[in-house]
Amino acid sequence: MTRLSRNLIALIISACALVLSLGLGAAPAPALPRPALSWTAQQGISGSGTSAGPALAALNGQLYALWKGTGLDTGLYWASSNGTTWSSQHEISNVGSSEGPALAAFNGRLYGLWKGSQNDPGLYWASSDGSTWTSQQEISNRGTSAAPALAAFNGRLYAMWKGTGVDTGLYWASSDGTTWTAQQEISNVGSSEGPALAVLNGQLYALWKGSNSDSELYWASSNGTTWSSQHEIYNVGTSAGPALAAFNGQLYAMWKGTGLDEGLYWASSNGSTWTAQQEISNNGSSEGPALAAFNGQLYALWKGSNSDSELYWASTSGT
């Protein structure tokens, strides 16, 4: 090989190295895991019980939980907390659901949303001042076979749900607190479980399990009118509906494992990239959990594992 050829090859190699160093054509580096959050030990809510995923929301200096009863008990129950102790449970009169409900604070009131009981796929809602609930009202011409989601965003209340039966489409609508818009479908996505909603940095985020046997978690964001393409959170999976909340300038997601894995896992995001999942030690659930930010803490609520129907909670300061 001549000296000229050797010099030419060296020049080509140097140019390629320069291109790679500039990141052109290079694969993005994987996200670094965040330090493990320090969660408090789980505590049970005395006298509570459910056979589905619960819901959490904060209003007027109190943390509220909403859940369906155990087994064939389709009643909906709620309790409130100062972040340390919980009130006795109260039942919302003359309502029922066979799936977990959704809960959100909007315009100084709590709003609950739920599927009807047993074979009733209708979507029903009511609101509360934190003590007394209004009569339920049905959102006409909508239906689901799973738990819905709620979030307040840009002066409106947004709801999302999967379709009825084998319809795995995801649908959404918004409300001024009284009247609901016509439902719209998010194109080219699907789920066999209920989704989750949260707001971060002027965007509405949704999180959901894949459809049928697809256990992956997917997310998309919206300006309140149009939705981005879905994105996958890699190397995670669930067999139930996930939870989503904004806390300390980050999105936090929590979910149970796939199939018989009842571990509870979490990850966080800046709205674009997700950290590696981490497991909350010594906790487990057979249903999807709930998340809410309250008084500078992130709270999680979940049903116990296997046949344990009690509700458990824990919190973290984010460190």
Protein backbone atom coordinates (compact mmCIF):
# COMPACT_ATOMS: atom_id res chain seq x y z
CA MET A 1 0.00 0.00 0.00
CA THR A 2 1.43 3.42 -0.93
CA ARG A 3 1.97 6.25 1.53
CA LEU A 4 -0.74 8.23 -0.33
CA SER A 5 -3.27 5.40 0.09
CA ARG A 6 -2.49 5.08 3.78
CA ASN A 7 -2.93 8.82 4.26
CA LEU A 8 -6.23 8.77 2.38
CA ILE A 9 -7.59 5.92 4.53
CA ALA A 10 -6.52 7.75 7.69
CA LEU A 11 -8.26 10.89 6.47
CA ILE A 12 -11.49 8.96 5.81
CA ILE A 13 -11.39 7.34 9.27
CA SER A 14 -10.84 10.74 10.92
CA ALA A 15 -13.78 12.23 9.01
CA CYS A 16 -16.06 9.38 10.06
CA ALA A 17 -15.03 9.82 13.68
CA LEU A 18 -15.81 13.53 13.46
CA VAL A 19 -19.29 12.85 12.06
CA LEU A 20 -20.02 10.36 14.85
CA SER A 21 -18.76 12.77 17.49
CA LEU A 22 -21.25 15.34 16.22
CA GLY A 23 -24.03 12.81 16.71
CA LEU A 24 -24.92 12.56 13.01
CA GLY A 25 -26.42 9.18 12.38
CA ALA A 26 -25.62 7.97 15.89
CA ALA A 27 -28.19 6.19 18.02
CA PRO A 28 -29.38 8.26 21.00
CA ALA A 29 -27.83 7.37 24.33
CA PRO A 30 -30.18 5.58 26.72
CA ALA A 31 -31.67 7.65 29.52
CA LEU A 32 -29.82 7.40 32.80
CA PRO A 33 -31.85 6.06 35.72
CA ARG A 34 -32.77 8.57 38.38
CA PRO A 35 -31.77 7.84 41.99
CA ALA A 36 -34.29 5.61 43.73
CA LEU A 37 -37.05 7.54 45.45
CA SER A 38 -37.42 6.97 49.16
CA TRP A 39 -41.02 5.83 49.65
CA THR A 40 -42.57 5.61 53.10
CA ALA A 41 -43.66 2.20 54.33
CA GLN A 42 -47.11 1.28 53.08
CA GLN A 43 -50.08 1.89 55.38
CA GLY A 44 -53.60 0.54 55.10
CA ILE A 45 -56.78 2.62 55.09
CA SER A 46 -58.75 1.02 57.89
CA GLY A 47 -62.14 -0.39 56.92
CA SER A 48 -61.56 0.07 53.20
CA GLY A 49 -61.71 -2.54 50.46
CA THR A 50 -61.91 -2.79 46.70
CA SER A 51 -61.62 -5.24 43.84
CA ALA A 52 -60.45 -2.61 41.30
CA GLY A 53 -58.00 0.24 40.95
CA PRO A 54 -58.74 3.33 43.12
CA ALA A 55 -58.46 7.05 42.27
CA LEU A 56 -56.76 10.00 44.00
CA ALA A 57 -57.08 13.80 43.79
CA ALA A 58 -56.28 16.83 45.96
CA LEU A 59 -58.73 19.64 46.75
CA ASN A 60 -58.70 22.48 49.27
CA GLY A 61 -55.92 21.10 51.45
CA GLN A 62 -57.23 17.56 51.53
CA LEU A 63 -56.34 14.39 49.64
CA TYR A 64 -59.35 12.43 48.42
CA ALA A 65 -59.65 8.79 47.39
CA LEU A 66 -62.49 7.13 45.49
CA TRP A 67 -63.00 3.40 44.93
CA LYS A 68 -65.56 0.69 44.21
CA GLY A 69 -66.44 -1.92 46.82
CA THR A 70 -65.10 -5.45 46.98
CA GLY A 71 -66.28 -8.33 44.81
CA LEU A 72 -69.93 -7.93 43.80
CA ASP A 73 -70.27 -4.69 45.79
CA THR A 74 -70.53 -2.08 43.04
CA GLY A 75 -70.96 0.85 45.43
CA LEU A 76 -68.57 3.79 45.21
CA TYR A 77 -66.85 4.93 48.40
CA TRP A 78 -64.66 7.90 49.27
CA ALA A 79 -62.48 9.14 52.10
CA SER A 80 -60.24 12.15 52.72
CA SER A 81 -56.85 12.62 54.33
CA ASN A 82 -54.58 15.36 55.64
CA GLY A 83 -51.68 13.32 54.27
CA THR A 84 -51.26 11.28 57.43
CA THR A 85 -54.62 10.00 58.66
CA TRP A 86 -57.71 9.06 56.70
CA SER A 87 -61.35 9.74 57.49
CA SER A 88 -63.93 6.99 57.65
CA GLN A 89 -65.22 5.87 54.26
CA HIS A 90 -68.47 7.31 52.91
CA GLU A 91 -70.67 5.86 50.18
CA ILE A 92 -71.95 7.94 47.27
CA SER A 93 -75.68 7.23 47.27
CA ASN A 94 -77.45 5.60 44.34
CA VAL A 95 -74.43 5.01 42.12
CA GLY A 96 -72.43 1.94 41.18
CA SER A 97 -69.60 0.68 39.02
CA SER A 98 -67.99 -2.63 38.15
CA GLU A 99 -64.64 -0.94 37.44
CA GLY A 100 -62.41 1.57 39.17
CA PRO A 101 -63.45 5.26 38.99
CA ALA A 102 -61.56 8.43 38.05
CA LEU A 103 -61.19 11.55 40.20
CA ALA A 104 -59.98 15.10 39.52
CA ALA A 105 -60.23 18.60 40.99
CA PHE A 106 -61.72 21.22 38.68
CA ASN A 107 -63.00 24.74 39.36
CA GLY A 108 -62.95 24.24 43.11
CA ARG A 109 -64.86 20.95 43.08
CA LEU A 110 -64.11 17.25 42.92
CA TYR A 111 -65.34 15.40 39.86
CA GLY A 112 -65.78 11.65 39.71
CA LEU A 113 -66.26 9.60 36.56
CA TRP A 114 -67.10 5.90 36.33
CA LYS A 115 -68.46 3.09 34.23
CA GLY A 116 -71.90 1.78 35.14
CA SER A 117 -72.36 -1.36 37.20
CA GLN A 118 -72.35 -4.91 35.86
CA ASN A 119 -73.29 -4.94 32.14
CA ASP A 120 -73.99 -1.19 31.97
CA PRO A 121 -71.19 0.35 29.84
CA GLY A 122 -72.45 3.92 30.28
CA LEU A 123 -70.20 6.67 31.62
CA TYR A 124 -71.50 8.59 34.62
CA TRP A 125 -70.20 11.62 36.51
CA ALA A 126 -70.92 13.64 39.63
CA SER A 127 -69.22 16.44 41.53
CA SER A 128 -68.62 17.28 45.16
CA ASP A 129 -67.60 20.16 47.38
CA GLY A 130 -65.54 17.67 49.35
CA SER A 131 -68.47 16.62 51.50
CA THR A 132 -71.69 16.24 49.50
CA TRP A 133 -72.03 14.71 46.06
CA THR A 134 -74.45 15.75 43.34
CA SER A 135 -76.72 13.21 41.67
CA GLN A 136 -74.94 11.27 38.95
CA GLN A 137 -75.43 12.22 35.32
CA GLU A 138 -74.74 10.13 32.26
CA ILE A 139 -72.52 11.28 29.41
CA SER A 140 -74.82 10.36 26.54
CA ASN A 141 -73.81 7.98 23.77
CA ARG A 142 -70.53 6.89 25.29
CA GLY A 143 -69.44 3.64 26.83
CA THR A 144 -66.51 1.70 28.24
CA SER A 145 -65.59 -1.65 29.73
CA ALA A 146 -62.74 -0.31 31.90
CA ALA A 147 -61.85 2.49 34.30
CA PRO A 148 -61.83 5.98 32.73
CA ALA A 149 -59.43 8.88 33.40
CA LEU A 150 -59.92 12.57 34.30
CA ALA A 151 -57.70 15.67 34.34
CA ALA A 152 -58.22 19.44 34.46
CA PHE A 153 -56.43 21.24 31.62
CA ASN A 154 -56.63 24.76 30.18
CA GLY A 155 -59.85 25.61 31.97
CA ARG A 156 -61.66 22.44 30.99
CA LEU A 157 -62.14 18.95 32.38
CA TYR A 158 -60.85 16.18 30.10
CA ALA A 159 -61.95 12.56 30.18
CA MET A 160 -60.50 9.54 28.39
CA TRP A 161 -61.67 5.95 28.18
CA LYS A 162 -61.39 2.77 26.14
CA GLY A 163 -64.33 1.54 24.09
CA THR A 164 -66.82 -1.10 25.14
CA GLY A 165 -66.17 -4.83 25.00
CA VAL A 166 -63.65 -5.76 22.32
CA ASP A 167 -63.37 -2.14 21.14
CA THR A 168 -59.84 -1.22 22.23
CA GLY A 169 -59.98 2.31 20.83
CA LEU A 170 -59.24 5.25 23.12
CA TYR A 171 -61.75 8.09 23.18
CA TRP A 172 -61.78 11.53 24.79
CA ALA A 173 -64.08 14.46 25.45
CA SER A 174 -63.96 17.66 27.50
CA SER A 175 -66.38 19.57 29.68
CA ASP A 176 -66.94 22.97 31.24
CA GLY A 177 -68.13 21.13 34.32
CA THR A 178 -71.69 20.78 33.07
CA THR A 179 -71.81 19.93 29.37
CA TRP A 180 -69.57 17.47 27.53
CA THR A 181 -68.28 17.74 23.98
CA ALA A 182 -68.78 14.95 21.45
CA GLN A 183 -66.31 12.12 21.89
CA GLN A 184 -63.29 11.86 19.61
CA GLU A 185 -61.05 8.87 18.99
CA ILE A 186 -57.25 9.02 19.18
CA SER A 187 -56.12 7.58 15.87
CA ASN A 188 -54.04 4.43 15.60
CA VAL A 189 -53.86 3.56 19.30
CA GLY A 190 -55.58 0.99 21.47
CA SER A 191 -55.76 -0.44 24.97
CA SER A 192 -57.43 -3.31 26.76
CA GLU A 193 -57.38 -1.39 30.08
CA GLY A 194 -58.24 2.08 31.29
CA PRO A 195 -55.81 4.96 30.53
CA ALA A 196 -54.37 7.70 32.77
CA LEU A 197 -54.17 11.49 32.31
CA ALA A 198 -51.93 14.23 33.74
CA VAL A 199 -50.79 17.76 32.89
CA LEU A 200 -47.19 18.98 32.61
CA ASN A 201 -45.73 22.18 31.14
CA GLY A 202 -48.84 23.19 29.23
CA GLN A 203 -49.49 19.79 27.71
CA LEU A 204 -52.01 17.07 28.48
CA TYR A 205 -50.42 13.62 28.69
CA ALA A 206 -52.07 10.22 28.40
CA LEU A 207 -50.61 6.84 29.34
CA TRP A 208 -52.03 3.40 28.58
CA LYS A 209 -51.33 -0.30 28.28
CA GLY A 210 -51.33 -1.79 24.77
CA SER A 211 -54.32 -3.65 23.38
CA ASN A 212 -55.09 -7.31 24.01
CA SER A 213 -51.88 -9.27 24.76
CA ASP A 214 -49.62 -6.22 24.24
CA SER A 215 -48.38 -5.42 27.76
CA GLU A 216 -46.23 -2.44 26.75
CA LEU A 217 -46.91 1.08 28.01
CA TYR A 218 -47.53 3.88 25.53
CA TRP A 219 -47.95 7.64 25.89
CA ALA A 220 -48.97 10.66 23.84
CA SER A 221 -49.44 14.37 24.48
CA SER A 222 -52.01 16.93 23.41
CA ASN A 223 -52.62 20.66 23.29
CA GLY A 224 -56.25 19.93 24.13
CA THR A 225 -57.30 19.52 20.51
CA THR A 226 -54.90 17.25 18.65
CA TRP A 227 -52.79 14.35 19.92
CA SER A 228 -49.21 13.47 19.09
CA SER A 229 -48.26 10.05 17.78
CA GLN A 230 -47.96 7.41 20.47
CA HIS A 231 -44.55 6.62 21.97
CA GLU A 232 -43.53 3.47 23.77
CA ILE A 233 -41.87 3.37 27.19
CA TYR A 234 -39.31 0.67 26.52
CA ASN A 235 -38.63 -2.37 28.68
CA VAL A 236 -41.70 -2.03 30.88
CA GLY A 237 -45.05 -3.78 30.93
CA THR A 238 -48.33 -4.16 32.81
CA SER A 239 -51.55 -6.12 32.80
CA ALA A 240 -53.66 -3.31 34.31
CA GLY A 241 -54.33 0.38 33.88
CA PRO A 242 -51.39 2.63 34.88
CA ALA A 243 -51.33 5.84 36.95
CA LEU A 244 -49.90 9.22 35.97
CA ALA A 245 -49.26 12.47 37.88
CA ALA A 246 -47.14 15.62 37.63
CA PHE A 247 -44.81 16.27 40.57
CA ASN A 248 -41.76 18.53 41.02
CA GLY A 249 -41.67 19.42 37.33
CA GLN A 250 -41.70 15.79 36.18
CA LEU A 251 -44.28 13.26 35.06
CA TYR A 252 -44.44 10.18 37.27
CA ALA A 253 -46.00 6.92 36.15
CA MET A 254 -46.77 3.86 38.24
CA TRP A 255 -48.06 0.44 37.25
CA LYS A 256 -48.27 -3.18 38.35
CA GLY A 257 -46.19 -5.80 36.57
CA THR A 258 -47.41 -8.12 33.84
CA GLY A 259 -49.52 -11.20 34.46
CA LEU A 260 -48.85 -12.71 37.86
CA ASP A 261 -46.19 -10.09 38.67
CA GLU A 262 -47.91 -7.94 41.28
CA GLY A 263 -44.91 -5.70 41.93
CA LEU A 264 -45.42 -1.94 41.69
CA TYR A 265 -43.06 -0.08 39.37
CA TRP A 266 -42.50 3.58 38.60
CA ALA A 267 -40.59 5.83 36.22
CA SER A 268 -40.41 9.57 35.60
CA SER A 269 -40.18 11.78 32.53
CA ASN A 270 -39.42 15.34 31.53
CA GLY A 271 -42.25 15.05 29.02
CA SER A 272 -40.07 13.47 26.37
CA THR A 273 -37.64 10.88 27.77
CA TRP A 274 -38.41 8.32 30.47
CA THR A 275 -36.07 7.01 33.14
CA ALA A 276 -35.54 3.31 33.69
CA GLN A 277 -38.26 1.68 35.79
CA GLN A 278 -37.73 1.05 39.47
CA GLU A 279 -39.71 -1.17 41.82
CA ILE A 280 -41.25 -0.05 45.11
CA SER A 281 -39.95 -2.62 47.56
CA ASN A 282 -42.24 -4.84 49.61
CA ASN A 283 -45.48 -3.70 47.99
CA GLY A 284 -47.82 -5.37 45.53
CA SER A 285 -51.20 -5.10 43.85
CA SER A 286 -53.40 -7.14 41.57
CA GLU A 287 -54.90 -3.95 40.05
CA GLY A 288 -53.66 -0.63 38.74
CA PRO A 289 -52.61 2.03 41.30
CA ALA A 290 -53.39 5.75 41.63
CA LEU A 291 -51.06 8.77 41.98
CA ALA A 292 -51.54 12.38 43.11
CA ALA A 293 -49.35 15.26 44.22
CA PHE A 294 -50.33 16.76 47.58
CA ASN A 295 -48.60 19.09 50.04
CA GLY A 296 -45.15 18.66 48.49
CA GLN A 297 -45.41 14.88 48.42
CA LEU A 298 -46.30 12.33 45.75
CA TYR A 299 -48.92 9.90 47.05
CA ALA A 300 -49.68 6.44 45.70
CA LEU A 301 -52.73 4.33 46.49
CA TRP A 302 -53.39 0.73 45.53
CA LYS A 303 -55.38 -2.41 46.26
CA GLY A 304 -53.51 -5.24 47.95
CA SER A 305 -52.15 -8.23 46.10
CA ASN A 306 -54.08 -11.38 45.21
CA SER A 307 -57.19 -11.70 47.40
CA ASP A 308 -56.17 -8.83 49.72
CA SER A 309 -58.84 -6.20 49.07
CA GLU A 310 -57.52 -3.57 51.51
CA LEU A 311 -56.35 -0.18 50.24
CA TYR A 312 -52.74 0.81 50.93
CA TRP A 313 -50.90 4.07 50.49
CA ALA A 314 -47.38 5.46 50.60
CA SER A 315 -45.72 8.78 49.78
CA THR A 316 -42.41 10.25 48.71
CA SER A 317 -40.87 13.71 48.79
CA GLY A 318 -39.12 13.03 45.51
CA THR A 319 -35.74 12.25 47.07
